N, C-alpha and C. Protein backbone atom coordinates (compact mmCIF):
# COMPACT_ATOMS: atom_id res chain seq x y z
N MET A 1 2.33 -10.82 6.95
CA MET A 1 2.86 -10.09 5.79
C MET A 1 4.22 -9.50 6.14
N ASN A 2 5.19 -9.70 5.26
CA ASN A 2 6.51 -9.12 5.53
C ASN A 2 6.71 -7.82 4.73
N LEU A 3 7.81 -7.17 4.97
CA LEU A 3 8.05 -5.85 4.38
C LEU A 3 8.17 -5.92 2.86
N VAL A 4 8.72 -7.01 2.34
CA VAL A 4 8.86 -7.16 0.89
C VAL A 4 7.48 -7.24 0.23
N GLU A 5 6.59 -8.03 0.81
CA GLU A 5 5.24 -8.14 0.28
C GLU A 5 4.53 -6.79 0.37
N LEU A 6 4.73 -6.11 1.49
CA LEU A 6 4.10 -4.80 1.69
C LEU A 6 4.58 -3.81 0.63
N HIS A 7 5.87 -3.82 0.36
CA HIS A 7 6.43 -2.90 -0.63
C HIS A 7 5.90 -3.22 -2.03
N PHE A 8 5.78 -4.51 -2.34
CA PHE A 8 5.26 -4.92 -3.64
C PHE A 8 3.82 -4.46 -3.82
N LEU A 9 3.01 -4.65 -2.78
CA LEU A 9 1.62 -4.21 -2.85
C LEU A 9 1.53 -2.69 -2.99
N ASN A 10 2.43 -1.98 -2.30
CA ASN A 10 2.43 -0.52 -2.39
C ASN A 10 2.79 -0.06 -3.80
N MET A 11 3.75 -0.73 -4.43
CA MET A 11 4.11 -0.39 -5.81
C MET A 11 2.93 -0.66 -6.75
N TYR A 12 2.24 -1.79 -6.51
CA TYR A 12 1.08 -2.14 -7.33
C TYR A 12 0.01 -1.06 -7.19
N CYS A 13 -0.19 -0.59 -5.97
CA CYS A 13 -1.17 0.47 -5.74
C CYS A 13 -0.77 1.75 -6.45
N ASN A 14 0.52 2.03 -6.51
CA ASN A 14 0.99 3.25 -7.17
C ASN A 14 0.82 3.19 -8.68
N ILE A 15 0.86 1.98 -9.25
CA ILE A 15 0.71 1.83 -10.69
C ILE A 15 -0.72 2.18 -11.11
N PHE A 16 -1.69 1.75 -10.30
CA PHE A 16 -3.08 1.98 -10.63
C PHE A 16 -3.66 3.06 -9.73
N PRO A 17 -4.02 4.22 -10.30
CA PRO A 17 -4.54 5.33 -9.49
C PRO A 17 -5.73 4.88 -8.64
N LEU A 18 -5.74 5.35 -7.39
CA LEU A 18 -6.79 4.96 -6.46
C LEU A 18 -8.18 5.31 -6.96
N LYS A 19 -8.30 6.44 -7.67
CA LYS A 19 -9.62 6.88 -8.11
C LYS A 19 -10.22 5.94 -9.15
N ASN A 20 -9.38 5.12 -9.78
CA ASN A 20 -9.88 4.19 -10.80
C ASN A 20 -10.20 2.82 -10.22
N LEU A 21 -9.97 2.65 -8.92
CA LEU A 21 -10.20 1.36 -8.28
C LEU A 21 -11.50 1.36 -7.49
N ILE A 22 -11.99 0.17 -7.19
CA ILE A 22 -13.15 0.08 -6.33
C ILE A 22 -12.78 0.58 -4.94
N ASN A 23 -13.77 1.03 -4.19
CA ASN A 23 -13.50 1.68 -2.91
C ASN A 23 -12.75 0.79 -1.93
N MET A 24 -13.10 -0.49 -1.87
CA MET A 24 -12.46 -1.37 -0.90
C MET A 24 -10.97 -1.48 -1.18
N PHE A 25 -10.59 -1.65 -2.45
CA PHE A 25 -9.18 -1.78 -2.78
C PHE A 25 -8.46 -0.46 -2.55
N GLY A 26 -9.15 0.65 -2.81
CA GLY A 26 -8.57 1.96 -2.55
C GLY A 26 -8.24 2.15 -1.08
N ARG A 27 -9.16 1.69 -0.22
CA ARG A 27 -8.91 1.78 1.22
C ARG A 27 -7.75 0.89 1.61
N LEU A 28 -7.70 -0.31 1.02
CA LEU A 28 -6.59 -1.23 1.30
C LEU A 28 -5.26 -0.58 0.93
N CYS A 29 -5.22 0.09 -0.21
CA CYS A 29 -3.99 0.75 -0.64
C CYS A 29 -3.55 1.82 0.35
N ARG A 30 -4.51 2.57 0.88
CA ARG A 30 -4.15 3.60 1.85
C ARG A 30 -3.58 2.97 3.12
N ILE A 31 -4.18 1.85 3.54
CA ILE A 31 -3.67 1.13 4.71
C ILE A 31 -2.25 0.63 4.44
N ILE A 32 -2.02 0.10 3.24
CA ILE A 32 -0.70 -0.39 2.86
C ILE A 32 0.32 0.74 2.90
N LYS A 33 -0.04 1.90 2.37
CA LYS A 33 0.89 3.03 2.36
C LYS A 33 1.25 3.45 3.78
N ILE A 34 0.24 3.51 4.65
CA ILE A 34 0.48 3.87 6.04
C ILE A 34 1.36 2.83 6.71
N ALA A 35 1.06 1.56 6.46
CA ALA A 35 1.84 0.47 7.06
C ALA A 35 3.29 0.52 6.59
N GLU A 36 3.50 0.79 5.30
CA GLU A 36 4.87 0.84 4.79
C GLU A 36 5.63 2.01 5.42
N LYS A 37 4.97 3.15 5.58
CA LYS A 37 5.63 4.28 6.25
C LYS A 37 6.02 3.89 7.67
N TYR A 38 5.12 3.17 8.35
CA TYR A 38 5.40 2.74 9.72
C TYR A 38 6.61 1.82 9.76
N TYR A 39 6.63 0.84 8.87
CA TYR A 39 7.74 -0.11 8.85
C TYR A 39 9.05 0.58 8.46
N ASN A 40 8.99 1.49 7.49
CA ASN A 40 10.20 2.19 7.07
C ASN A 40 10.75 3.06 8.19
N GLY A 41 9.85 3.68 8.97
CA GLY A 41 10.28 4.52 10.07
C GLY A 41 10.72 3.72 11.27
N ASP A 42 10.37 2.44 11.29
CA ASP A 42 10.65 1.60 12.44
C ASP A 42 12.01 0.93 12.33
N HIS A 43 12.64 1.01 11.18
CA HIS A 43 13.93 0.33 10.97
C HIS A 43 15.03 1.37 10.74
């Protein structure tokens, strides 16, 4: 997964509130947010 895909997934997660999603996707969104912070801080 590259940074562009990660950012797109993060935006998608932001559009749909986590509380309205199934638990697995909600967890995935949190992982994506953490990963994007890591990548943003790494460059």
